[in-house]
Amino acid sequence: MSLHQGLDARLEPYDVLILPGWKNSGDDHWQSRWEARFPSFNRVHQQSWDNPVRIDWVAALDEAVSRCTKPVILIAHSLGCITVAHWASRHRHRIAGALLVAPADVERRTVAPVLKRFAPIPLAPLPFPALVIGSDNDPCCTVWRASELAEKWGAECHIAFGAGHINAHSNLGDWEEGLILLDVWLRGVQAFRDDVAQVA
């Protein structure tokens, strides 16, 4: 069985939502490539990609989750990760887990003014399993900060090497490493859900 076939089977019990960051994810971004590869993936669309407003982005995520009929897996990038953290601080329903890739440090000194609207970053533990993937040369979030966010959120953490902001400019193509990490992580998510179900 190929990696993609295995992922198809592992993802079948879930609704999967793609959450891009600031300015959306274009055709060359791994999020868009994954969305094309897995037809069950659905993008959370924002009212404004260029001029993000926190309350609007959180509301769009909440609306998308409310339309799902299965437990939800969130696959977020950059500002999308911070949106997940804000949403999770107020909502608790039907999230099986979240893959949080290259979270944008909206509190850093050099952040674009428009992104400061998403500060401060919520640091409470997330009420669902999560995996933070950072990069050792991400201009939007240092390794130290990515590791700190993962620790505060109660998430697993993986640091990629030389992947920049893990976006289209990183030239990752379909980002096979990310798919492998997703596959392995999903096995843990399912094992966690199975354990919870046995206890219940």
N, C-alpha and C. Protein backbone atom coordinates (compact mmCIF):
# COMPACT_ATOMS: atom_id res chain seq x y z
N MET A 1 0.85 -1.20 0.00
CA MET A 1 0.00 0.00 0.00
C MET A 1 0.88 1.25 0.00
N SER A 2 0.60 2.20 -0.90
CA SER A 2 1.39 3.42 -0.98
C SER A 2 1.05 4.35 0.18
N LEU A 3 1.91 5.35 0.37
CA LEU A 3 1.68 6.34 1.42
C LEU A 3 0.33 7.01 1.24
N HIS A 4 0.03 7.43 0.00
CA HIS A 4 -1.23 8.13 -0.25
C HIS A 4 -2.43 7.23 0.01
N GLN A 5 -2.33 5.95 -0.37
CA GLN A 5 -3.43 5.02 -0.12
C GLN A 5 -3.65 4.83 1.37
N GLY A 6 -2.53 4.72 2.11
CA GLY A 6 -2.63 4.58 3.55
C GLY A 6 -3.25 5.81 4.20
N LEU A 7 -2.86 6.99 3.71
CA LEU A 7 -3.43 8.22 4.23
C LEU A 7 -4.91 8.32 3.91
N ASP A 8 -5.30 7.94 2.71
CA ASP A 8 -6.71 7.95 2.34
C ASP A 8 -7.52 7.14 3.35
N ALA A 9 -7.02 5.97 3.69
CA ALA A 9 -7.72 5.11 4.63
C ALA A 9 -7.73 5.71 6.03
N ARG A 10 -6.60 6.29 6.44
CA ARG A 10 -6.50 6.85 7.78
C ARG A 10 -7.34 8.11 7.94
N LEU A 11 -7.54 8.83 6.84
CA LEU A 11 -8.30 10.08 6.89
C LEU A 11 -9.80 9.88 6.72
N GLU A 12 -10.20 8.68 6.31
CA GLU A 12 -11.61 8.43 5.99
C GLU A 12 -12.57 8.77 7.13
N PRO A 13 -12.19 8.53 8.40
CA PRO A 13 -13.14 8.81 9.50
C PRO A 13 -13.30 10.30 9.81
N TYR A 14 -12.53 11.16 9.12
CA TYR A 14 -12.50 12.57 9.51
C TYR A 14 -12.94 13.50 8.38
N ASP A 15 -13.40 14.68 8.79
CA ASP A 15 -13.47 15.83 7.89
C ASP A 15 -12.19 16.63 8.08
N VAL A 16 -11.56 17.02 6.99
CA VAL A 16 -10.28 17.73 7.07
C VAL A 16 -10.45 19.15 6.56
N LEU A 17 -10.04 20.11 7.37
CA LEU A 17 -10.11 21.52 7.01
C LEU A 17 -8.71 22.09 6.85
N ILE A 18 -8.48 22.75 5.71
CA ILE A 18 -7.22 23.43 5.42
C ILE A 18 -7.36 24.89 5.83
N LEU A 19 -6.43 25.37 6.64
CA LEU A 19 -6.43 26.77 7.08
C LEU A 19 -5.15 27.46 6.61
N PRO A 20 -5.20 28.18 5.50
CA PRO A 20 -4.03 28.93 5.06
C PRO A 20 -3.75 30.12 5.98
N GLY A 21 -2.59 30.72 5.77
CA GLY A 21 -2.22 31.91 6.51
C GLY A 21 -2.50 33.18 5.73
N TRP A 22 -1.81 34.23 6.13
CA TRP A 22 -1.96 35.55 5.51
C TRP A 22 -1.76 35.45 4.00
N LYS A 23 -2.64 36.05 3.23
CA LYS A 23 -2.60 36.12 1.76
C LYS A 23 -2.92 34.79 1.07
N ASN A 24 -3.41 33.81 1.86
CA ASN A 24 -3.87 32.54 1.30
C ASN A 24 -2.69 31.70 0.81
N SER A 25 -2.98 30.49 0.40
CA SER A 25 -1.96 29.57 -0.14
C SER A 25 -2.22 29.38 -1.63
N GLY A 26 -1.23 29.75 -2.45
CA GLY A 26 -1.38 29.66 -3.90
C GLY A 26 -1.20 28.25 -4.43
N ASP A 27 -1.22 28.12 -5.75
CA ASP A 27 -1.19 26.80 -6.39
C ASP A 27 0.07 26.01 -6.06
N ASP A 28 1.20 26.70 -5.82
CA ASP A 28 2.46 26.01 -5.56
C ASP A 28 2.66 25.67 -4.09
N HIS A 29 1.75 26.09 -3.25
CA HIS A 29 1.86 25.82 -1.82
C HIS A 29 1.45 24.37 -1.54
N TRP A 30 2.13 23.73 -0.60
CA TRP A 30 1.81 22.34 -0.28
C TRP A 30 0.35 22.18 0.18
N GLN A 31 -0.22 23.19 0.83
CA GLN A 31 -1.62 23.06 1.24
C GLN A 31 -2.53 22.89 0.03
N SER A 32 -2.28 23.69 -1.00
CA SER A 32 -3.09 23.59 -2.22
C SER A 32 -2.85 22.26 -2.92
N ARG A 33 -1.63 21.80 -2.92
CA ARG A 33 -1.31 20.51 -3.55
C ARG A 33 -1.98 19.35 -2.79
N TRP A 34 -1.95 19.44 -1.47
CA TRP A 34 -2.64 18.41 -0.68
C TRP A 34 -4.14 18.45 -0.93
N GLU A 35 -4.68 19.65 -1.02
CA GLU A 35 -6.12 19.80 -1.25
C GLU A 35 -6.52 19.18 -2.59
N ALA A 36 -5.65 19.34 -3.60
CA ALA A 36 -5.92 18.75 -4.91
C ALA A 36 -5.77 17.23 -4.87
N ARG A 37 -4.82 16.77 -4.07
CA ARG A 37 -4.57 15.32 -3.99
C ARG A 37 -5.66 14.59 -3.20
N PHE A 38 -6.18 15.23 -2.17
CA PHE A 38 -7.19 14.61 -1.32
C PHE A 38 -8.50 15.39 -1.45
N PRO A 39 -9.42 14.94 -2.29
CA PRO A 39 -10.65 15.69 -2.57
C PRO A 39 -11.51 15.96 -1.33
N SER A 40 -11.31 15.17 -0.27
CA SER A 40 -12.11 15.38 0.94
C SER A 40 -11.63 16.58 1.76
N PHE A 41 -10.46 17.14 1.40
CA PHE A 41 -9.95 18.31 2.12
C PHE A 41 -10.74 19.55 1.68
N ASN A 42 -11.14 20.36 2.64
CA ASN A 42 -11.87 21.59 2.34
C ASN A 42 -11.17 22.78 2.96
N ARG A 43 -11.02 23.84 2.16
CA ARG A 43 -10.34 25.04 2.62
C ARG A 43 -11.31 25.94 3.39
N VAL A 44 -10.83 26.51 4.48
CA VAL A 44 -11.58 27.54 5.19
C VAL A 44 -11.31 28.87 4.50
N HIS A 45 -12.33 29.45 3.91
CA HIS A 45 -12.17 30.69 3.16
C HIS A 45 -12.42 31.89 4.07
N GLN A 46 -11.58 32.91 3.89
CA GLN A 46 -11.66 34.11 4.72
C GLN A 46 -12.24 35.27 3.93
N GLN A 47 -12.90 36.16 4.64
CA GLN A 47 -13.48 37.34 4.00
C GLN A 47 -12.41 38.21 3.36
N SER A 48 -11.28 38.35 4.04
CA SER A 48 -10.16 39.10 3.49
C SER A 48 -8.86 38.37 3.80
N TRP A 49 -8.16 37.95 2.76
CA TRP A 49 -6.86 37.30 2.96
C TRP A 49 -5.75 38.31 3.19
N ASP A 50 -5.85 39.48 2.58
CA ASP A 50 -4.78 40.47 2.66
C ASP A 50 -4.88 41.37 3.89
N ASN A 51 -6.10 41.54 4.39
CA ASN A 51 -6.32 42.41 5.54
C ASN A 51 -7.04 41.61 6.63
N PRO A 52 -6.33 40.65 7.24
CA PRO A 52 -6.98 39.72 8.16
C PRO A 52 -7.46 40.40 9.44
N VAL A 53 -8.66 40.03 9.84
CA VAL A 53 -9.24 40.51 11.09
C VAL A 53 -9.50 39.28 11.96
N ARG A 54 -8.94 39.29 13.15
CA ARG A 54 -8.97 38.09 13.99
C ARG A 54 -10.38 37.56 14.21
N ILE A 55 -11.30 38.41 14.59
CA ILE A 55 -12.65 37.94 14.89
C ILE A 55 -13.31 37.31 13.66
N ASP A 56 -13.00 37.84 12.48
CA ASP A 56 -13.57 37.29 11.25
C ASP A 56 -12.95 35.93 10.92
N TRP A 57 -11.64 35.82 11.08
CA TRP A 57 -10.97 34.56 10.77
C TRP A 57 -11.43 33.46 11.73
N VAL A 58 -11.57 33.79 13.01
CA VAL A 58 -12.04 32.81 13.98
C VAL A 58 -13.48 32.40 13.66
N ALA A 59 -14.31 33.37 13.29
CA ALA A 59 -15.71 33.07 12.95
C ALA A 59 -15.80 32.18 11.72
N ALA A 60 -14.94 32.41 10.73
CA ALA A 60 -14.94 31.58 9.53
C ALA A 60 -14.57 30.14 9.86
N LEU A 61 -13.59 29.96 10.74
CA LEU A 61 -13.21 28.62 11.17
C LEU A 61 -14.37 27.96 11.93
N ASP A 62 -15.00 28.70 12.82
CA ASP A 62 -16.10 28.15 13.59
C ASP A 62 -17.25 27.71 12.68
N GLU A 63 -17.54 28.51 11.68
CA GLU A 63 -18.61 28.17 10.74
C GLU A 63 -18.26 26.91 9.95
N ALA A 64 -17.00 26.82 9.52
CA ALA A 64 -16.57 25.65 8.75
C ALA A 64 -16.65 24.38 9.60
N VAL A 65 -16.23 24.47 10.85
CA VAL A 65 -16.30 23.32 11.75
C VAL A 65 -17.75 22.90 11.97
N SER A 66 -18.62 23.88 12.12
CA SER A 66 -20.02 23.58 12.40
C SER A 66 -20.69 22.85 11.24
N ARG A 67 -20.16 23.00 10.01
CA ARG A 67 -20.74 22.32 8.85
C ARG A 67 -20.25 20.88 8.72
N CYS A 68 -19.21 20.52 9.46
CA CYS A 68 -18.65 19.18 9.35
C CYS A 68 -19.55 18.16 10.04
N THR A 69 -19.55 16.96 9.51
CA THR A 69 -20.38 15.90 10.07
C THR A 69 -19.57 14.81 10.76
N LYS A 70 -18.25 14.84 10.57
CA LYS A 70 -17.36 13.88 11.21
C LYS A 70 -16.42 14.63 12.16
N PRO A 71 -15.69 13.90 13.00
CA PRO A 71 -14.62 14.55 13.77
C PRO A 71 -13.67 15.26 12.81
N VAL A 72 -13.13 16.39 13.23
CA VAL A 72 -12.40 17.28 12.33
C VAL A 72 -10.89 17.23 12.59
N ILE A 73 -10.13 17.14 11.50
CA ILE A 73 -8.69 17.35 11.53
C ILE A 73 -8.42 18.71 10.90
N LEU A 74 -7.69 19.57 11.62
CA LEU A 74 -7.30 20.88 11.10
C LEU A 74 -5.87 20.81 10.59
N ILE A 75 -5.63 21.34 9.39
CA ILE A 75 -4.28 21.43 8.84
C ILE A 75 -4.01 22.90 8.55
N ALA A 76 -3.28 23.53 9.46
CA ALA A 76 -3.11 24.99 9.43
C ALA A 76 -1.68 25.38 9.11
N HIS A 77 -1.53 26.54 8.49
CA HIS A 77 -0.21 27.09 8.20
C HIS A 77 -0.14 28.54 8.67
N SER A 78 0.97 28.90 9.28
CA SER A 78 1.30 30.28 9.60
C SER A 78 0.22 30.97 10.44
N LEU A 79 -0.40 32.02 9.92
CA LEU A 79 -1.44 32.72 10.67
C LEU A 79 -2.64 31.82 10.93
N GLY A 80 -2.82 30.80 10.08
CA GLY A 80 -3.88 29.83 10.33
C GLY A 80 -3.69 29.11 11.66
N CYS A 81 -2.43 28.85 12.04
CA CYS A 81 -2.15 28.19 13.33
C CYS A 81 -2.59 29.08 14.49
N ILE A 82 -2.32 30.37 14.38
CA ILE A 82 -2.69 31.30 15.45
C ILE A 82 -4.21 31.43 15.51
N THR A 83 -4.85 31.37 14.36
CA THR A 83 -6.31 31.38 14.32
C THR A 83 -6.87 30.18 15.08
N VAL A 84 -6.27 29.01 14.89
CA VAL A 84 -6.70 27.81 15.60
C VAL A 84 -6.58 28.01 17.11
N ALA A 85 -5.46 28.59 17.55
CA ALA A 85 -5.26 28.81 18.99
C ALA A 85 -6.32 29.75 19.56
N HIS A 86 -6.64 30.82 18.83
CA HIS A 86 -7.70 31.73 19.29
C HIS A 86 -9.06 31.03 19.31
N TRP A 87 -9.34 30.26 18.27
CA TRP A 87 -10.62 29.55 18.20
C TRP A 87 -10.74 28.55 19.34
N ALA A 88 -9.68 27.81 19.59
CA ALA A 88 -9.71 26.76 20.62
C ALA A 88 -9.89 27.33 22.02
N SER A 89 -9.53 28.60 22.22
CA SER A 89 -9.69 29.21 23.54
C SER A 89 -11.16 29.48 23.87
N ARG A 90 -12.04 29.37 22.85
CA ARG A 90 -13.46 29.66 23.04
C ARG A 90 -14.37 28.50 22.67
N HIS A 91 -13.87 27.54 21.90
CA HIS A 91 -14.72 26.48 21.38
C HIS A 91 -14.10 25.13 21.69
N ARG A 92 -14.95 24.11 21.78
CA ARG A 92 -14.45 22.80 22.21
C ARG A 92 -15.00 21.64 21.38
N HIS A 93 -15.64 21.90 20.26
CA HIS A 93 -16.41 20.82 19.65
C HIS A 93 -15.74 20.14 18.46
N ARG A 94 -15.79 18.83 18.48
CA ARG A 94 -15.54 17.95 17.34
C ARG A 94 -14.19 18.11 16.66
N ILE A 95 -13.15 18.49 17.38
CA ILE A 95 -11.82 18.52 16.78
C ILE A 95 -11.06 17.28 17.24
N ALA A 96 -10.65 16.46 16.27
CA ALA A 96 -9.89 15.26 16.58
C ALA A 96 -8.41 15.57 16.75
N GLY A 97 -7.92 16.61 16.04
CA GLY A 97 -6.52 16.96 16.13
C GLY A 97 -6.18 18.08 15.16
N ALA A 98 -5.00 18.66 15.35
CA ALA A 98 -4.57 19.78 14.50
C ALA A 98 -3.10 19.64 14.15
N LEU A 99 -2.80 19.75 12.85
CA LEU A 99 -1.43 19.84 12.34
C LEU A 99 -1.14 21.32 12.15
N LEU A 100 -0.19 21.86 12.92
CA LEU A 100 0.08 23.29 12.95
C LEU A 100 1.47 23.55 12.39
N VAL A 101 1.53 24.01 11.15
CA VAL A 101 2.79 24.11 10.42
C VAL A 101 3.26 25.56 10.35
N ALA A 102 4.50 25.78 10.78
CA ALA A 102 5.13 27.10 10.72
C ALA A 102 4.26 28.19 11.34
N PRO A 103 3.90 28.05 12.61
CA PRO A 103 3.08 29.08 13.23
C PRO A 103 3.75 30.45 13.14
N ALA A 104 2.97 31.46 12.81
CA ALA A 104 3.52 32.82 12.68
C ALA A 104 3.61 33.45 14.06
N ASP A 105 4.80 33.90 14.42
CA ASP A 105 4.98 34.59 15.70
C ASP A 105 4.52 36.04 15.52
N VAL A 106 3.26 36.28 15.81
CA VAL A 106 2.70 37.63 15.60
C VAL A 106 3.10 38.60 16.69
N GLU A 107 3.91 38.12 17.65
CA GLU A 107 4.41 39.00 18.71
C GLU A 107 5.85 39.43 18.46
N ARG A 108 6.47 38.93 17.38
CA ARG A 108 7.87 39.28 17.14
C ARG A 108 7.99 40.75 16.72
N ARG A 109 9.15 41.30 16.94
CA ARG A 109 9.37 42.74 16.73
C ARG A 109 9.17 43.15 15.28
N THR A 110 9.51 42.26 14.33
CA THR A 110 9.48 42.62 12.91
C THR A 110 8.17 42.23 12.21
N VAL A 111 7.16 41.83 12.96
CA VAL A 111 5.93 41.35 12.34
C VAL A 111 5.22 42.50 11.60
N ALA A 112 4.56 42.19 10.50
CA ALA A 112 3.79 43.19 9.77
C ALA A 112 2.68 43.74 10.67
N PRO A 113 2.47 45.06 10.64
CA PRO A 113 1.47 45.67 11.53
C PRO A 113 0.10 45.01 11.45
N VAL A 114 -0.32 44.58 10.26
CA VAL A 114 -1.65 44.01 10.11
C VAL A 114 -1.80 42.70 10.89
N LEU A 115 -0.68 42.01 11.14
CA LEU A 115 -0.74 40.74 11.85
C LEU A 115 -0.74 40.91 13.37
N LYS A 116 -0.40 42.11 13.84
CA LYS A 116 -0.40 42.35 15.28
C LYS A 116 -1.79 42.24 15.88
N ARG A 117 -2.82 42.28 15.01
CA ARG A 117 -4.19 42.14 15.49
C ARG A 117 -4.43 40.76 16.10
N PHE A 118 -3.57 39.80 15.77
CA PHE A 118 -3.74 38.44 16.27
C PHE A 118 -2.95 38.21 17.56
N ALA A 119 -2.25 39.21 18.04
CA ALA A 119 -1.53 39.13 19.30
C ALA A 119 -2.46 39.58 20.44
N PRO A 120 -2.21 39.07 21.65
CA PRO A 120 -1.23 38.05 22.01
C PRO A 120 -1.68 36.65 21.61
N ILE A 121 -0.72 35.77 21.44
CA ILE A 121 -1.01 34.39 21.08
C ILE A 121 -1.52 33.64 22.31
N PRO A 122 -2.68 33.00 22.24
CA PRO A 122 -3.15 32.19 23.37
C PRO A 122 -2.15 31.07 23.67
N LEU A 123 -1.86 30.85 24.94
CA LEU A 123 -0.86 29.86 25.33
C LEU A 123 -1.45 28.74 26.18
N ALA A 124 -2.76 28.70 26.29
CA ALA A 124 -3.39 27.62 27.04
C ALA A 124 -3.25 26.31 26.28
N PRO A 125 -3.18 25.18 26.98
CA PRO A 125 -3.12 23.88 26.29
C PRO A 125 -4.33 23.71 25.37
N LEU A 126 -4.09 23.20 24.19
CA LEU A 126 -5.17 22.93 23.25
C LEU A 126 -5.98 21.73 23.74
N PRO A 127 -7.30 21.75 23.55
CA PRO A 127 -8.14 20.66 24.05
C PRO A 127 -8.23 19.48 23.09
N PHE A 128 -7.21 19.31 22.26
CA PHE A 128 -7.16 18.20 21.32
C PHE A 128 -5.71 17.94 20.96
N PRO A 129 -5.36 16.75 20.47
CA PRO A 129 -3.98 16.46 20.09
C PRO A 129 -3.52 17.38 18.96
N ALA A 130 -2.25 17.76 19.01
CA ALA A 130 -1.72 18.65 17.97
C ALA A 130 -0.25 18.34 17.73
N LEU A 131 0.19 18.63 16.52
CA LEU A 131 1.60 18.52 16.14
C LEU A 131 2.03 19.84 15.54
N VAL A 132 3.02 20.48 16.15
CA VAL A 132 3.61 21.70 15.62
C VAL A 132 4.84 21.33 14.80
N ILE A 133 4.89 21.81 13.56
CA ILE A 133 6.07 21.62 12.71
C ILE A 133 6.69 22.98 12.46
N GLY A 134 7.91 23.18 12.94
CA GLY A 134 8.64 24.41 12.70
C GLY A 134 9.82 24.16 11.79
N SER A 135 10.59 25.20 11.57
CA SER A 135 11.78 25.11 10.71
C SER A 135 12.93 25.86 11.38
N ASP A 136 14.15 25.35 11.15
CA ASP A 136 15.29 25.98 11.81
C ASP A 136 15.71 27.30 11.16
N ASN A 137 15.09 27.67 10.04
CA ASN A 137 15.42 28.96 9.41
C ASN A 137 14.15 29.70 8.97
N ASP A 138 13.11 29.57 9.78
CA ASP A 138 11.85 30.25 9.49
C ASP A 138 11.97 31.72 9.90
N PRO A 139 11.84 32.67 8.96
CA PRO A 139 11.95 34.09 9.31
C PRO A 139 10.76 34.59 10.13
N CYS A 140 9.69 33.81 10.18
CA CYS A 140 8.47 34.24 10.88
C CYS A 140 8.34 33.64 12.27
N CYS A 141 9.24 32.72 12.63
CA CYS A 141 9.15 32.08 13.94
C CYS A 141 10.45 31.32 14.21
N THR A 142 11.14 31.69 15.27
CA THR A 142 12.39 31.01 15.59
C THR A 142 12.12 29.59 16.08
N VAL A 143 13.16 28.77 16.06
CA VAL A 143 13.04 27.42 16.60
C VAL A 143 12.62 27.47 18.06
N TRP A 144 13.24 28.37 18.81
CA TRP A 144 12.91 28.50 20.23
C TRP A 144 11.43 28.82 20.42
N ARG A 145 10.92 29.75 19.61
CA ARG A 145 9.53 30.17 19.76
C ARG A 145 8.57 29.05 19.33
N ALA A 146 8.88 28.37 18.24
CA ALA A 146 8.04 27.26 17.80
C ALA A 146 7.98 26.17 18.86
N SER A 147 9.13 25.88 19.47
CA SER A 147 9.18 24.87 20.52
C SER A 147 8.39 25.31 21.74
N GLU A 148 8.49 26.60 22.07
CA GLU A 148 7.75 27.13 23.21
C GLU A 148 6.24 27.04 22.98
N LEU A 149 5.80 27.42 21.77
CA LEU A 149 4.37 27.34 21.46
C LEU A 149 3.88 25.90 21.57
N ALA A 150 4.66 24.97 21.02
CA ALA A 150 4.26 23.56 21.11
C ALA A 150 4.14 23.12 22.56
N GLU A 151 5.10 23.51 23.38
CA GLU A 151 5.06 23.13 24.80
C GLU A 151 3.84 23.72 25.49
N LYS A 152 3.58 25.01 25.28
CA LYS A 152 2.44 25.66 25.92
C LYS A 152 1.12 25.06 25.44
N TRP A 153 1.04 24.72 24.18
CA TRP A 153 -0.20 24.16 23.62
C TRP A 153 -0.37 22.68 23.95
N GLY A 154 0.65 22.08 24.57
CA GLY A 154 0.58 20.65 24.86
C GLY A 154 0.69 19.79 23.62
N ALA A 155 1.42 20.30 22.62
CA ALA A 155 1.53 19.63 21.32
C ALA A 155 2.87 18.93 21.17
N GLU A 156 2.91 17.95 20.30
CA GLU A 156 4.18 17.38 19.87
C GLU A 156 4.89 18.43 19.00
N CYS A 157 6.19 18.28 18.85
CA CYS A 157 6.94 19.26 18.05
C CYS A 157 7.95 18.55 17.16
N HIS A 158 8.01 19.00 15.92
CA HIS A 158 9.00 18.50 14.96
C HIS A 158 9.64 19.71 14.28
N ILE A 159 10.95 19.73 14.20
CA ILE A 159 11.66 20.82 13.54
C ILE A 159 12.27 20.32 12.24
N ALA A 160 11.85 20.92 11.13
CA ALA A 160 12.42 20.61 9.81
C ALA A 160 13.67 21.45 9.60
N PHE A 161 14.55 20.98 8.75
CA PHE A 161 15.82 21.67 8.52
C PHE A 161 15.83 22.33 7.15
N GLY A 162 16.12 23.65 7.15
CA GLY A 162 16.27 24.39 5.91
C GLY A 162 14.98 24.57 5.13
N ALA A 163 13.83 24.54 5.81
CA ALA A 163 12.53 24.62 5.11
C ALA A 163 11.93 26.01 5.11
N GLY A 164 12.66 27.00 5.65
CA GLY A 164 12.14 28.36 5.65
C GLY A 164 10.80 28.45 6.36
N HIS A 165 9.87 29.17 5.75
CA HIS A 165 8.54 29.32 6.35
C HIS A 165 7.60 28.18 5.92
N ILE A 166 8.16 27.16 5.33
CA ILE A 166 7.41 25.97 4.91
C ILE A 166 6.22 26.40 4.04
N ASN A 167 6.53 27.19 3.03
CA ASN A 167 5.49 27.71 2.13
C ASN A 167 5.92 27.50 0.68
N ALA A 168 5.28 28.18 -0.25
CA ALA A 168 5.60 28.00 -1.67
C ALA A 168 7.04 28.40 -1.97
N HIS A 169 7.55 29.42 -1.27
CA HIS A 169 8.93 29.88 -1.51
C HIS A 169 9.96 28.84 -1.06
N SER A 170 9.52 27.86 -0.26
CA SER A 170 10.43 26.82 0.20
C SER A 170 10.65 25.74 -0.85
N ASN A 171 9.87 25.80 -1.95
CA ASN A 171 10.03 24.84 -3.06
C ASN A 171 9.92 23.39 -2.58
N LEU A 172 8.87 23.12 -1.84
CA LEU A 172 8.69 21.79 -1.26
C LEU A 172 7.87 20.85 -2.14
N GLY A 173 7.28 21.39 -3.21
CA GLY A 173 6.43 20.56 -4.04
C GLY A 173 5.24 20.04 -3.25
N ASP A 174 5.02 18.73 -3.30
CA ASP A 174 3.93 18.12 -2.54
C ASP A 174 4.28 17.95 -1.06
N TRP A 175 5.49 18.30 -0.69
CA TRP A 175 6.00 18.19 0.68
C TRP A 175 5.76 16.79 1.24
N GLU A 176 6.47 15.84 0.65
CA GLU A 176 6.34 14.44 1.04
C GLU A 176 6.70 14.22 2.51
N GLU A 177 7.69 14.97 3.01
CA GLU A 177 8.05 14.84 4.43
C GLU A 177 6.85 15.16 5.30
N GLY A 178 6.11 16.20 4.92
CA GLY A 178 4.92 16.57 5.68
C GLY A 178 3.86 15.50 5.65
N LEU A 179 3.69 14.86 4.49
CA LEU A 179 2.71 13.78 4.38
C LEU A 179 3.08 12.59 5.27
N ILE A 180 4.38 12.30 5.33
CA ILE A 180 4.84 11.21 6.20
C ILE A 180 4.57 11.56 7.66
N LEU A 181 4.89 12.80 8.04
CA LEU A 181 4.64 13.24 9.41
C LEU A 181 3.15 13.20 9.73
N LEU A 182 2.32 13.62 8.78
CA LEU A 182 0.87 13.56 8.97
C LEU A 182 0.41 12.13 9.17
N ASP A 183 0.92 11.22 8.37
CA ASP A 183 0.52 9.82 8.46
C ASP A 183 0.87 9.24 9.82
N VAL A 184 2.11 9.45 10.26
CA VAL A 184 2.55 8.91 11.55
C VAL A 184 1.76 9.53 12.69
N TRP A 185 1.57 10.85 12.62
CA TRP A 185 0.84 11.55 13.67
C TRP A 185 -0.61 11.07 13.75
N LEU A 186 -1.24 10.85 12.60
CA LEU A 186 -2.63 10.40 12.59
C LEU A 186 -2.79 9.04 13.27
N ARG A 187 -1.78 8.19 13.17
CA ARG A 187 -1.85 6.91 13.87
C ARG A 187 -1.94 7.14 15.37
N GLY A 188 -1.17 8.12 15.86
CA GLY A 188 -1.23 8.45 17.29
C GLY A 188 -2.56 9.05 17.67
N VAL A 189 -3.11 9.90 16.80
CA VAL A 189 -4.42 10.50 17.07
C VAL A 189 -5.49 9.41 17.19
N GLN A 190 -5.46 8.46 16.27
CA GLN A 190 -6.46 7.39 16.30
C GLN A 190 -6.30 6.51 17.53
N ALA A 191 -5.03 6.25 17.90
CA ALA A 191 -4.79 5.45 19.11
C ALA A 191 -5.32 6.18 20.34
N PHE A 192 -5.13 7.49 20.39
CA PHE A 192 -5.65 8.30 21.50
C PHE A 192 -7.17 8.23 21.55
N ARG A 193 -7.81 8.35 20.38
CA ARG A 193 -9.27 8.30 20.33
C ARG A 193 -9.79 6.92 20.74
N ASP A 194 -9.07 5.88 20.34
CA ASP A 194 -9.47 4.52 20.71
C ASP A 194 -9.38 4.33 22.23
N ASP A 195 -8.30 4.86 22.83
CA ASP A 195 -8.14 4.76 24.28
C ASP A 195 -9.25 5.48 25.02
N VAL A 196 -9.59 6.69 24.54
CA VAL A 196 -10.65 7.46 25.16
C VAL A 196 -11.98 6.73 25.06
N ALA A 197 -12.23 6.14 23.90
CA ALA A 197 -13.48 5.42 23.68
C ALA A 197 -13.58 4.21 24.62
N GLN A 198 -12.46 3.53 24.87
CA GLN A 198 -12.47 2.37 25.76
C GLN A 198 -12.77 2.78 27.19
N VAL A 199 -12.19 3.91 27.62
CA VAL A 199 -12.42 4.41 28.97
C VAL A 199 -13.89 4.83 29.14
N ALA A 200 -14.44 5.47 28.09
CA ALA A 200 -15.83 5.93 28.15
C ALA A 200 -16.79 4.75 28.15
